[in-house]
Every structure is written in C-alpha cells, then in structure tokens.
Amino acid sequence: MPKLKTKSGVKKRFKFTASGKVKHGVAGKRHRLISHNAKYIRQNRGTSVLSDADVSHVRLWAPYGLK
C-alpha cells in the first residue's frame, strides 16, 4: 500500500491533544474586527475543541496524526 498524504489544510488548522481530541482556532478573527463588538472578540479568543461529529473527518484527512 502506498503512503497516505495528510491534507495540507489540516496541518495548518488543527492540533491533536494528548487524549486524542482535536483543537482548532475560532473563525471570524482575521479581519474586519471593528465591526464586531468586544464581547464577540473576547469570547472567541484562543482555541476550542472540535465536536465529535467533525473529529472523524479530520482523522481521515490526517491518517498518521499531526505533530
């Protein structure tokens, strides 16, 4: 069997925790932040854990895990 490649977009967007959960950055924090209120910007700070329904897709795109 040939080696499977990891999707390049997954390398940039996700990280696996030690327990196997998937962390991701929050969308909507790149530009046009003046039009968002302070509560929106504050609550979307940092990273969050991906839902279980979406984790299965990310695992298919990263067959050998991520560093």
PDB file of N, CA and C in Angstrom:
ATOM      1  N   MET A   1       0.839  -1.192   0.000  1.00  0.00           N
ATOM      2  CA  MET A   1       0.000   0.000   0.000  1.00  0.00           C
ATOM      3  C   MET A   1       0.881   1.252   0.000  1.00  0.00           C
ATOM      4  N   PRO A   2       0.527   2.240  -0.806  1.00  0.00           N
ATOM      5  CA  PRO A   2       1.297   3.490  -0.774  1.00  0.00           C
ATOM      6  C   PRO A   2       0.998   4.282   0.502  1.00  0.00           C
ATOM      7  N   LYS A   3       1.913   5.167   0.827  1.00  0.00           N
ATOM      8  CA  LYS A   3       1.702   6.020   1.996  1.00  0.00           C
ATOM      9  C   LYS A   3       0.582   7.008   1.703  1.00  0.00           C
ATOM     10  N   LEU A   4      -0.185   7.330   2.728  1.00  0.00           N
ATOM     11  CA  LEU A   4      -1.263   8.302   2.584  1.00  0.00           C
ATOM     12  C   LEU A   4      -0.754   9.682   2.939  1.00  0.00           C
ATOM     13  N   LYS A   5      -1.184  10.679   2.179  1.00  0.00           N
ATOM     14  CA  LYS A   5      -0.750  12.038   2.459  1.00  0.00           C
ATOM     15  C   LYS A   5      -1.752  12.724   3.380  1.00  0.00           C
ATOM     16  N   THR A   6      -1.232  13.585   4.230  1.00  0.00           N
ATOM     17  CA  THR A   6      -2.072  14.424   5.080  1.00  0.00           C
ATOM     18  C   THR A   6      -2.488  15.643   4.282  1.00  0.00           C
ATOM     19  N   LYS A   7      -3.769  16.038   4.389  1.00  0.00           N
ATOM     20  CA  LYS A   7      -4.236  17.244   3.712  1.00  0.00           C
ATOM     21  C   LYS A   7      -3.476  18.450   4.251  1.00  0.00           C
ATOM     22  N   SER A   8      -2.974  19.284   3.370  1.00  0.00           N
ATOM     23  CA  SER A   8      -2.131  20.394   3.811  1.00  0.00           C
ATOM     24  C   SER A   8      -2.918  21.420   4.610  1.00  0.00           C
ATOM     25  N   GLY A   9      -4.216  21.553   4.342  1.00  0.00           N
ATOM     26  CA  GLY A   9      -5.028  22.484   5.117  1.00  0.00           C
ATOM     27  C   GLY A   9      -5.226  22.024   6.548  1.00  0.00           C
ATOM     28  N   VAL A  10      -5.228  20.715   6.768  1.00  0.00           N
ATOM     29  CA  VAL A  10      -5.400  20.172   8.115  1.00  0.00           C
ATOM     30  C   VAL A  10      -4.159  20.440   8.952  1.00  0.00           C
ATOM     31  N   LYS A  11      -2.986  20.383   8.342  1.00  0.00           N
ATOM     32  CA  LYS A  11      -1.748  20.665   9.069  1.00  0.00           C
ATOM     33  C   LYS A  11      -1.768  22.075   9.658  1.00  0.00           C
ATOM     34  N   LYS A  12      -2.342  23.006   8.896  1.00  0.00           N
ATOM     35  CA  LYS A  12      -2.318  24.408   9.304  1.00  0.00           C
ATOM     36  C   LYS A  12      -3.406  24.737  10.325  1.00  0.00           C
ATOM     37  N   ARG A  13      -4.499  23.985  10.332  1.00  0.00           N
ATOM     38  CA  ARG A  13      -5.678  24.401  11.082  1.00  0.00           C
ATOM     39  C   ARG A  13      -5.952  23.640  12.361  1.00  0.00           C
ATOM     40  N   PHE A  14      -5.409  22.445  12.524  1.00  0.00           N
ATOM     41  CA  PHE A  14      -5.781  21.598  13.661  1.00  0.00           C
ATOM     42  C   PHE A  14      -4.551  21.088  14.392  1.00  0.00           C
ATOM     43  N   LYS A  15      -4.751  20.769  15.690  1.00  0.00           N
ATOM     44  CA  LYS A  15      -3.743  20.091  16.502  1.00  0.00           C
ATOM     45  C   LYS A  15      -4.459  19.011  17.304  1.00  0.00           C
ATOM     46  N   PHE A  16      -3.773  17.874  17.531  1.00  0.00           N
ATOM     47  CA  PHE A  16      -4.329  16.814  18.359  1.00  0.00           C
ATOM     48  C   PHE A  16      -3.820  16.968  19.787  1.00  0.00           C
ATOM     49  N   THR A  17      -4.700  16.785  20.759  1.00  0.00           N
ATOM     50  CA  THR A  17      -4.277  16.790  22.150  1.00  0.00           C
ATOM     51  C   THR A  17      -3.735  15.410  22.507  1.00  0.00           C
ATOM     52  N   ALA A  18      -3.169  15.292  23.696  1.00  0.00           N
ATOM     53  CA  ALA A  18      -2.611  14.014  24.133  1.00  0.00           C
ATOM     54  C   ALA A  18      -3.697  12.959  24.312  1.00  0.00           C
ATOM     55  N   SER A  19      -4.907  13.386  24.660  1.00  0.00           N
ATOM     56  CA  SER A  19      -6.003  12.433  24.855  1.00  0.00           C
ATOM     57  C   SER A  19      -6.716  12.103  23.543  1.00  0.00           C
ATOM     58  N   GLY A  20      -6.301  12.728  22.421  1.00  0.00           N
ATOM     59  CA  GLY A  20      -6.870  12.399  21.128  1.00  0.00           C
ATOM     60  C   GLY A  20      -7.936  13.354  20.640  1.00  0.00           C
ATOM     61  N   LYS A  21      -8.232  14.396  21.407  1.00  0.00           N
ATOM     62  CA  LYS A  21      -9.203  15.387  20.936  1.00  0.00           C
ATOM     63  C   LYS A  21      -8.529  16.303  19.924  1.00  0.00           C
ATOM     64  N   VAL A  22      -9.347  17.056  19.189  1.00  0.00           N
ATOM     65  CA  VAL A  22      -8.823  17.923  18.140  1.00  0.00           C
ATOM     66  C   VAL A  22      -9.096  19.379  18.521  1.00  0.00           C
ATOM     67  N   LYS A  23      -8.043  20.193  18.564  1.00  0.00           N
ATOM     68  CA  LYS A  23      -8.176  21.616  18.849  1.00  0.00           C
ATOM     69  C   LYS A  23      -8.195  22.391  17.544  1.00  0.00           C
ATOM     70  N   HIS A  24      -8.919  23.516  17.530  1.00  0.00           N
ATOM     71  CA  HIS A  24      -8.959  24.365  16.346  1.00  0.00           C
ATOM     72  C   HIS A  24      -9.109  25.813  16.769  1.00  0.00           C
ATOM     73  N   GLY A  25      -8.662  26.697  15.909  1.00  0.00           N
ATOM     74  CA  GLY A  25      -8.851  28.118  16.146  1.00  0.00           C
ATOM     75  C   GLY A  25     -10.268  28.521  15.784  1.00  0.00           C
ATOM     76  N   VAL A  26     -10.691  29.653  16.305  1.00  0.00           N
ATOM     77  CA  VAL A  26     -12.062  30.107  16.086  1.00  0.00           C
ATOM     78  C   VAL A  26     -12.124  30.949  14.815  1.00  0.00           C
ATOM     79  N   ALA A  27     -13.180  30.780  14.050  1.00  0.00           N
ATOM     80  CA  ALA A  27     -13.351  31.522  12.801  1.00  0.00           C
ATOM     81  C   ALA A  27     -13.788  32.953  13.086  1.00  0.00           C
ATOM     82  N   GLY A  28     -13.546  33.837  12.129  1.00  0.00           N
ATOM     83  CA  GLY A  28     -14.023  35.203  12.221  1.00  0.00           C
ATOM     84  C   GLY A  28     -13.127  36.122  13.015  1.00  0.00           C
ATOM     85  N   LYS A  29     -11.827  35.833  13.089  1.00  0.00           N
ATOM     86  CA  LYS A  29     -10.930  36.662  13.892  1.00  0.00           C
ATOM     87  C   LYS A  29      -9.742  37.185  13.079  1.00  0.00           C
ATOM     88  N   ARG A  30      -9.883  37.259  11.770  1.00  0.00           N
ATOM     89  CA  ARG A  30      -8.754  37.653  10.934  1.00  0.00           C
ATOM     90  C   ARG A  30      -8.790  39.143  10.574  1.00  0.00           C
ATOM     91  N   HIS A  31      -9.931  39.606  10.122  1.00  0.00           N
ATOM     92  CA  HIS A  31     -10.032  40.996   9.686  1.00  0.00           C
ATOM     93  C   HIS A  31     -11.454  41.466   9.935  1.00  0.00           C
ATOM     94  N   ARG A  32     -11.690  42.777   9.713  1.00  0.00           N
ATOM     95  CA  ARG A  32     -12.997  43.414   9.970  1.00  0.00           C
ATOM     96  C   ARG A  32     -13.426  43.237  11.424  1.00  0.00           C
ATOM     97  N   LEU A  33     -12.495  43.377  12.342  1.00  0.00           N
ATOM     98  CA  LEU A  33     -12.827  43.201  13.749  1.00  0.00           C
ATOM     99  C   LEU A  33     -13.496  44.443  14.334  1.00  0.00           C
ATOM    100  N   ILE A  34     -13.388  45.579  13.656  1.00  0.00           N
ATOM    101  CA  ILE A  34     -14.013  46.796  14.177  1.00  0.00           C
ATOM    102  C   ILE A  34     -15.534  46.663  14.126  1.00  0.00           C
ATOM    103  N   SER A  35     -16.043  45.938  13.134  1.00  0.00           N
ATOM    104  CA  SER A  35     -17.496  45.791  13.023  1.00  0.00           C
ATOM    105  C   SER A  35     -18.057  44.787  14.025  1.00  0.00           C
ATOM    106  N   HIS A  36     -17.187  43.980  14.694  1.00  0.00           N
ATOM    107  CA  HIS A  36     -17.644  43.064  15.735  1.00  0.00           C
ATOM    108  C   HIS A  36     -17.564  43.761  17.085  1.00  0.00           C
ATOM    109  N   ASN A  37     -18.467  43.395  17.977  1.00  0.00           N
ATOM    110  CA  ASN A  37     -18.405  44.020  19.293  1.00  0.00           C
ATOM    111  C   ASN A  37     -17.347  43.328  20.155  1.00  0.00           C
ATOM    112  N   ALA A  38     -17.013  43.963  21.279  1.00  0.00           N
ATOM    113  CA  ALA A  38     -15.913  43.497  22.119  1.00  0.00           C
ATOM    114  C   ALA A  38     -16.206  42.133  22.728  1.00  0.00           C
ATOM    115  N   LYS A  39     -17.474  41.861  23.022  1.00  0.00           N
ATOM    116  CA  LYS A  39     -17.844  40.569  23.614  1.00  0.00           C
ATOM    117  C   LYS A  39     -17.560  39.427  22.640  1.00  0.00           C
ATOM    118  N   TYR A  40     -17.869  39.628  21.373  1.00  0.00           N
ATOM    119  CA  TYR A  40     -17.619  38.614  20.345  1.00  0.00           C
ATOM    120  C   TYR A  40     -16.129  38.317  20.234  1.00  0.00           C
ATOM    121  N   ILE A  41     -15.326  39.372  20.196  1.00  0.00           N
ATOM    122  CA  ILE A  41     -13.884  39.202  20.050  1.00  0.00           C
ATOM    123  C   ILE A  41     -13.305  38.516  21.278  1.00  0.00           C
ATOM    124  N   ARG A  42     -13.779  38.895  22.462  1.00  0.00           N
ATOM    125  CA  ARG A  42     -13.258  38.340  23.705  1.00  0.00           C
ATOM    126  C   ARG A  42     -13.624  36.871  23.856  1.00  0.00           C
ATOM    127  N   GLN A  43     -14.856  36.512  23.515  1.00  0.00           N
ATOM    128  CA  GLN A  43     -15.298  35.134  23.697  1.00  0.00           C
ATOM    129  C   GLN A  43     -14.696  34.184  22.667  1.00  0.00           C
ATOM    130  N   ASN A  44     -14.241  34.710  21.548  1.00  0.00           N
ATOM    131  CA  ASN A  44     -13.633  33.860  20.525  1.00  0.00           C
ATOM    132  C   ASN A  44     -12.119  33.870  20.581  1.00  0.00           C
ATOM    133  N   ARG A  45     -11.558  34.217  21.723  1.00  0.00           N
ATOM    134  CA  ARG A  45     -10.111  34.225  21.909  1.00  0.00           C
ATOM    135  C   ARG A  45      -9.619  32.791  22.130  1.00  0.00           C
ATOM    136  N   GLY A  46      -8.422  32.501  21.660  1.00  0.00           N
ATOM    137  CA  GLY A  46      -7.821  31.202  21.927  1.00  0.00           C
ATOM    138  C   GLY A  46      -8.344  30.105  21.010  1.00  0.00           C
ATOM    139  N   THR A  47      -8.284  28.868  21.499  1.00  0.00           N
ATOM    140  CA  THR A  47      -8.709  27.716  20.711  1.00  0.00           C
ATOM    141  C   THR A  47      -9.851  27.004  21.416  1.00  0.00           C
ATOM    142  N   SER A  48     -10.521  26.135  20.685  1.00  0.00           N
ATOM    143  CA  SER A  48     -11.580  25.321  21.279  1.00  0.00           C
ATOM    144  C   SER A  48     -11.469  23.904  20.732  1.00  0.00           C
ATOM    145  N   VAL A  49     -12.212  22.987  21.342  1.00  0.00           N
ATOM    146  CA  VAL A  49     -12.145  21.572  20.969  1.00  0.00           C
ATOM    147  C   VAL A  49     -13.226  21.289  19.931  1.00  0.00           C
ATOM    148  N   LEU A  50     -12.871  20.536  18.917  1.00  0.00           N
ATOM    149  CA  LEU A  50     -13.784  20.198  17.834  1.00  0.00           C
ATOM    150  C   LEU A  50     -14.819  19.188  18.310  1.00  0.00           C
ATOM    151  N   SER A  51     -16.021  19.274  17.767  1.00  0.00           N
ATOM    152  CA  SER A  51     -17.077  18.346  18.165  1.00  0.00           C
ATOM    153  C   SER A  51     -16.782  16.939  17.643  1.00  0.00           C
ATOM    154  N   ASP A  52     -17.365  15.947  18.306  1.00  0.00           N
ATOM    155  CA  ASP A  52     -17.091  14.546  17.955  1.00  0.00           C
ATOM    156  C   ASP A  52     -17.523  14.204  16.537  1.00  0.00           C
ATOM    157  N   ALA A  53     -18.582  14.845  16.055  1.00  0.00           N
ATOM    158  CA  ALA A  53     -19.062  14.563  14.706  1.00  0.00           C
ATOM    159  C   ALA A  53     -18.042  14.984  13.653  1.00  0.00           C
ATOM    160  N   ASP A  54     -17.289  16.051  13.929  1.00  0.00           N
ATOM    161  CA  ASP A  54     -16.320  16.549  12.965  1.00  0.00           C
ATOM    162  C   ASP A  54     -14.940  15.912  13.116  1.00  0.00           C
ATOM    163  N   VAL A  55     -14.677  15.314  14.274  1.00  0.00           N
ATOM    164  CA  VAL A  55     -13.361  14.714  14.515  1.00  0.00           C
ATOM    165  C   VAL A  55     -13.098  13.570  13.555  1.00  0.00           C
ATOM    166  N   SER A  56     -14.129  12.808  13.213  1.00  0.00           N
ATOM    167  CA  SER A  56     -13.934  11.665  12.310  1.00  0.00           C
ATOM    168  C   SER A  56     -13.440  12.114  10.940  1.00  0.00           C
ATOM    169  N   HIS A  57     -13.924  13.264  10.459  1.00  0.00           N
ATOM    170  CA  HIS A  57     -13.451  13.788   9.178  1.00  0.00           C
ATOM    171  C   HIS A  57     -11.990  14.196   9.260  1.00  0.00           C
ATOM    172  N   VAL A  58     -11.618  14.866  10.336  1.00  0.00           N
ATOM    173  CA  VAL A  58     -10.243  15.334  10.473  1.00  0.00           C
ATOM    174  C   VAL A  58      -9.288  14.154  10.579  1.00  0.00           C
ATOM    175  N   ARG A  59      -9.713  13.076  11.248  1.00  0.00           N
ATOM    176  CA  ARG A  59      -8.851  11.894  11.356  1.00  0.00           C
ATOM    177  C   ARG A  59      -8.614  11.244   9.990  1.00  0.00           C
ATOM    178  N   LEU A  60      -9.607  11.282   9.106  1.00  0.00           N
ATOM    179  CA  LEU A  60      -9.412  10.752   7.755  1.00  0.00           C
ATOM    180  C   LEU A  60      -8.415  11.595   6.972  1.00  0.00           C
ATOM    181  N   TRP A  61      -8.435  12.909   7.196  1.00  0.00           N
ATOM    182  CA  TRP A  61      -7.550  13.809   6.464  1.00  0.00           C
ATOM    183  C   TRP A  61      -6.132  13.787   7.011  1.00  0.00           C
ATOM    184  N   ALA A  62      -5.955  13.308   8.266  1.00  0.00           N
ATOM    185  CA  ALA A  62      -4.623  13.208   8.872  1.00  0.00           C
ATOM    186  C   ALA A  62      -4.420  11.779   9.325  1.00  0.00           C
ATOM    187  N   PRO A  63      -4.105  10.857   8.417  1.00  0.00           N
ATOM    188  CA  PRO A  63      -4.097   9.437   8.759  1.00  0.00           C
ATOM    189  C   PRO A  63      -3.031   9.047   9.782  1.00  0.00           C
ATOM    190  N   TYR A  64      -1.936   9.785   9.874  1.00  0.00           N
ATOM    191  CA  TYR A  64      -0.869   9.441  10.814  1.00  0.00           C
ATOM    192  C   TYR A  64      -0.778  10.418  11.963  1.00  0.00           C
ATOM    193  N   GLY A  65      -1.793  11.239  12.143  1.00  0.00           N
ATOM    194  CA  GLY A  65      -1.774  12.234  13.208  1.00  0.00           C
ATOM    195  C   GLY A  65      -1.012  13.482  12.788  1.00  0.00           C
ATOM    196  N   LEU A  66      -0.952  14.435  13.687  1.00  0.00           N
ATOM    197  CA  LEU A  66      -0.234  15.692  13.442  1.00  0.00           C
ATOM    198  C   LEU A  66       0.815  15.887  14.520  1.00  0.00           C
ATOM    199  N   LYS A  67       1.852  16.637  14.209  1.00  0.00           N
ATOM    200  CA  LYS A  67       2.900  16.881  15.200  1.00  0.00           C
ATOM    201  C   LYS A  67       2.476  17.938  16.181  1.00  0.00           C
TER     202      LYS A  67
END
